[in-house]
Amino acid sequence: MSDVSRRKLTTTRIHIMALDGIVNVNSLFTLALFLGLTSSNTNNPLIDSDDEGACIAGPSISEGLIAYHVYSFSSFLFSSLIALALKQVISISKGDDEVHALATNGIRLRNDTANFIVKVNTLVLRLGILISAFGSVFGCGFLVMALMNFVQIKLGTLACGSHYTFAAIAPLLVLVPTALLIYIILVLYAFTR
């Protein structure tokens, strides 16, 4: 096996591992979304009875909570479906007498039972991974907005100025965008290599 074939083999395995990671993380977030939707009781805020009139969240915030959950779920589902489609294109099964082939750039994969020839168009593969990654980023953004609405329903609106509301929302607005920015930079860096 030549050095070029080994490099492409390693690259393809890395792409498959990246796609697996995207699908696994999206699955965890989707599960969390369903649990959040089914277990969140928006009728019982944790606001003091003295401040209840001024700090209680209106129906628009409750509607936003549900809408952002649905947007987030849609983004994660979109991302997972793209990643699974790419994995399906890459993964091939070999019958007794046949070898399946795909697009361009031949790569020979060694398996314990057989040799496979996989042809992968790396540009399409990278573009698909990029689209899938951005679907996950949008899903995380919508999830943060849904969590902000949930905090406002339970602890009081941002306009009320509650210390507990700001303490709960601050990590969401600092840590998650920072992590997403790092993720985007690394995905774009990997896309150009």
Protein backbone atom coordinates (compact mmCIF):
# COMPACT_ATOMS: atom_id res chain seq x y z
CA MET A 1 0.00 0.00 0.00
CA SER A 2 1.51 3.32 -1.04
CA ASP A 3 1.92 6.37 1.20
CA VAL A 4 -0.77 8.24 -0.73
CA SER A 5 -3.26 5.40 -0.21
CA ARG A 6 -2.45 5.24 3.51
CA ARG A 7 -2.91 9.01 3.84
CA LYS A 8 -6.28 8.86 2.07
CA LEU A 9 -7.29 5.87 4.17
CA THR A 10 -6.51 7.77 7.34
CA THR A 11 -8.31 10.84 6.02
CA THR A 12 -11.42 8.80 5.21
CA ARG A 13 -11.43 7.22 8.65
CA ILE A 14 -11.11 10.68 10.20
CA HIS A 15 -14.07 11.88 8.13
CA ILE A 16 -16.13 8.90 9.27
CA MET A 17 -15.17 9.55 12.90
CA ALA A 18 -16.14 13.23 12.50
CA LEU A 19 -19.51 12.22 11.09
CA ASP A 20 -20.02 9.77 13.95
CA GLY A 21 -19.22 12.52 16.43
CA ILE A 22 -21.71 14.91 14.84
CA VAL A 23 -24.46 12.28 14.89
CA ASN A 24 -23.74 11.29 18.51
CA VAL A 25 -23.72 14.86 19.83
CA ASN A 26 -26.85 15.75 17.86
CA SER A 27 -28.59 12.68 19.29
CA LEU A 28 -27.76 13.73 22.85
CA PHE A 29 -29.00 17.28 22.24
CA THR A 30 -32.18 15.97 20.60
CA LEU A 31 -32.85 13.73 23.59
CA ALA A 32 -32.28 16.69 25.92
CA LEU A 33 -34.72 18.75 23.86
CA PHE A 34 -37.44 16.15 24.16
CA LEU A 35 -36.86 15.76 27.88
CA GLY A 36 -36.88 19.53 28.28
CA LEU A 37 -40.14 19.91 26.40
CA THR A 38 -41.92 17.11 28.22
CA SER A 39 -40.71 17.88 31.73
CA SER A 40 -40.73 21.68 31.76
CA ASN A 41 -43.67 23.14 33.63
CA THR A 42 -43.95 26.80 32.68
CA ASN A 43 -46.96 27.39 34.93
CA ASN A 44 -44.98 27.39 38.18
CA PRO A 45 -42.42 30.22 38.21
CA LEU A 46 -39.97 30.50 41.10
CA ILE A 47 -40.50 34.25 41.50
CA ASP A 48 -41.25 35.90 44.85
CA SER A 49 -44.87 36.83 45.26
CA ASP A 50 -43.90 40.48 45.88
CA ASP A 51 -42.24 40.85 42.46
CA GLU A 52 -44.61 38.55 40.60
CA GLY A 53 -46.51 41.22 38.65
CA ALA A 54 -43.45 43.03 37.30
CA CYS A 55 -41.19 40.04 36.69
CA ILE A 56 -43.49 37.34 35.41
CA ALA A 57 -42.85 36.28 31.81
CA GLY A 58 -45.57 36.94 29.29
CA PRO A 59 -47.05 34.52 26.79
CA SER A 60 -44.61 35.63 24.07
CA ILE A 61 -41.69 34.22 26.08
CA SER A 62 -43.52 30.90 26.54
CA GLU A 63 -44.25 30.81 22.83
CA GLY A 64 -40.58 31.56 22.12
CA LEU A 65 -39.56 28.68 24.38
CA ILE A 66 -41.54 26.18 22.31
CA ALA A 67 -40.57 27.75 18.97
CA TYR A 68 -36.84 27.73 19.76
CA HIS A 69 -37.07 24.12 20.92
CA VAL A 70 -38.63 23.18 17.59
CA TYR A 71 -36.05 25.21 15.62
CA SER A 72 -33.25 23.57 17.57
CA PHE A 73 -34.69 20.10 17.03
CA SER A 74 -35.05 20.80 13.30
CA SER A 75 -31.43 21.99 13.04
CA PHE A 76 -30.07 18.94 14.89
CA LEU A 77 -32.21 16.61 12.79
CA PHE A 78 -31.04 18.30 9.57
CA SER A 79 -27.42 18.01 10.66
CA SER A 80 -27.77 14.36 11.66
CA LEU A 81 -29.52 13.40 8.42
CA ILE A 82 -26.77 15.02 6.33
CA ALA A 83 -24.08 13.26 8.39
CA LEU A 84 -25.84 9.91 8.17
CA ALA A 85 -26.29 10.30 4.42
CA LEU A 86 -22.57 11.00 4.03
CA LYS A 87 -21.72 7.96 6.15
CA GLN A 88 -24.06 5.85 4.06
CA VAL A 89 -22.31 6.97 0.90
CA ILE A 90 -18.89 6.18 2.37
CA SER A 91 -19.70 2.87 3.95
CA ILE A 92 -19.96 0.05 1.48
CA SER A 93 -20.85 -3.55 1.79
CA LYS A 94 -19.17 -6.18 -0.32
CA GLY A 95 -20.96 -9.24 -1.55
CA ASP A 96 -19.06 -12.35 -2.52
CA ASP A 97 -18.21 -11.26 -6.05
CA GLU A 98 -18.81 -7.54 -6.20
CA VAL A 99 -17.02 -4.39 -5.16
CA HIS A 100 -19.00 -1.17 -4.84
CA ALA A 101 -17.46 2.10 -5.97
CA LEU A 102 -18.37 5.75 -5.47
CA ALA A 103 -17.41 9.04 -7.23
CA THR A 104 -13.64 9.84 -7.61
CA ASN A 105 -10.27 9.56 -5.81
CA GLY A 106 -9.87 5.79 -5.31
CA ILE A 107 -9.02 4.59 -1.81
CA ARG A 108 -8.34 0.96 -0.98
CA LEU A 109 -9.63 -0.07 2.45
CA ARG A 110 -8.34 -3.26 4.01
CA ASN A 111 -10.80 -5.29 6.04
CA ASP A 112 -10.25 -8.60 7.78
CA THR A 113 -12.48 -10.38 5.27
CA ALA A 114 -11.97 -8.47 2.02
CA ASN A 115 -10.49 -5.57 0.13
CA PHE A 116 -12.79 -2.69 -0.70
CA ILE A 117 -12.25 0.05 -3.21
CA VAL A 118 -13.90 3.24 -2.06
CA LYS A 119 -13.98 6.24 -4.32
CA VAL A 120 -14.80 9.39 -2.45
CA ASN A 121 -15.18 12.88 -3.85
CA THR A 122 -13.40 14.69 -1.04
CA LEU A 123 -14.80 18.11 -1.97
CA VAL A 124 -18.38 16.86 -1.67
CA LEU A 125 -17.51 15.02 1.54
CA ARG A 126 -15.95 18.10 3.12
CA LEU A 127 -18.81 20.32 1.99
CA GLY A 128 -21.32 17.88 3.49
CA ILE A 129 -19.43 17.80 6.78
CA LEU A 130 -19.32 21.62 6.77
CA ILE A 131 -23.09 21.84 6.18
CA SER A 132 -23.73 19.27 8.89
CA ALA A 133 -21.49 21.13 11.34
CA PHE A 134 -23.27 24.42 10.70
CA GLY A 135 -26.61 22.68 11.27
CA SER A 136 -25.30 21.68 14.70
CA VAL A 137 -24.14 25.25 15.36
CA PHE A 138 -27.58 26.65 14.53
CA GLY A 139 -29.18 23.96 16.72
CA CYS A 140 -26.97 25.02 19.65
CA GLY A 141 -27.84 28.68 19.07
CA PHE A 142 -31.57 27.97 19.10
CA LEU A 143 -31.13 25.77 22.19
CA VAL A 144 -29.43 28.65 24.02
CA MET A 145 -32.32 30.96 23.13
CA ALA A 146 -34.82 28.35 24.36
CA LEU A 147 -32.92 28.01 27.63
CA MET A 148 -32.86 31.79 28.05
CA ASN A 149 -36.64 31.85 27.69
CA PHE A 150 -36.97 28.99 30.16
CA VAL A 151 -34.86 30.85 32.72
CA GLN A 152 -36.96 33.98 32.25
CA ILE A 153 -40.14 31.98 32.81
CA LYS A 154 -38.83 30.37 35.99
CA LEU A 155 -36.71 33.16 37.53
CA GLY A 156 -38.12 36.36 36.07
CA THR A 157 -37.58 38.40 32.93
CA LEU A 158 -34.33 40.14 32.08
CA ALA A 159 -36.11 43.49 32.29
CA CYS A 160 -36.88 42.78 35.94
CA GLY A 161 -33.16 42.76 36.77
CA SER A 162 -33.18 39.64 38.94
CA HIS A 163 -29.73 38.58 40.12
CA TYR A 164 -30.71 34.91 39.73
CA THR A 165 -31.83 35.40 36.14
CA PHE A 166 -28.56 37.09 35.17
CA ALA A 167 -26.52 34.47 37.06
CA ALA A 168 -28.27 31.68 35.15
CA ILE A 169 -28.08 33.32 31.72
CA ALA A 170 -24.51 34.67 31.93
CA PRO A 171 -22.80 31.27 31.48
CA LEU A 172 -25.08 30.54 28.53
CA LEU A 173 -24.11 33.78 26.83
CA VAL A 174 -20.39 33.45 27.55
CA LEU A 175 -19.46 29.77 27.47
CA VAL A 176 -21.65 28.45 24.66
CA PRO A 177 -20.83 31.17 22.07
CA THR A 178 -17.13 30.83 22.95
CA ALA A 179 -17.27 27.07 22.41
CA LEU A 180 -19.24 27.53 19.18
CA LEU A 181 -16.70 30.05 17.91
CA ILE A 182 -13.84 27.64 18.60
CA TYR A 183 -15.82 24.85 16.92
CA ILE A 184 -16.49 26.96 13.82
CA ILE A 185 -12.84 28.00 13.55
CA LEU A 186 -11.65 24.39 13.82
CA VAL A 187 -14.23 23.12 11.31
CA LEU A 188 -13.25 25.83 8.82
CA TYR A 189 -9.56 25.07 9.43
CA ALA A 190 -10.18 21.35 8.79
CA PHE A 191 -12.21 22.22 5.69
CA THR A 192 -9.28 24.07 4.15
CA ARG A 193 -6.79 21.25 4.78
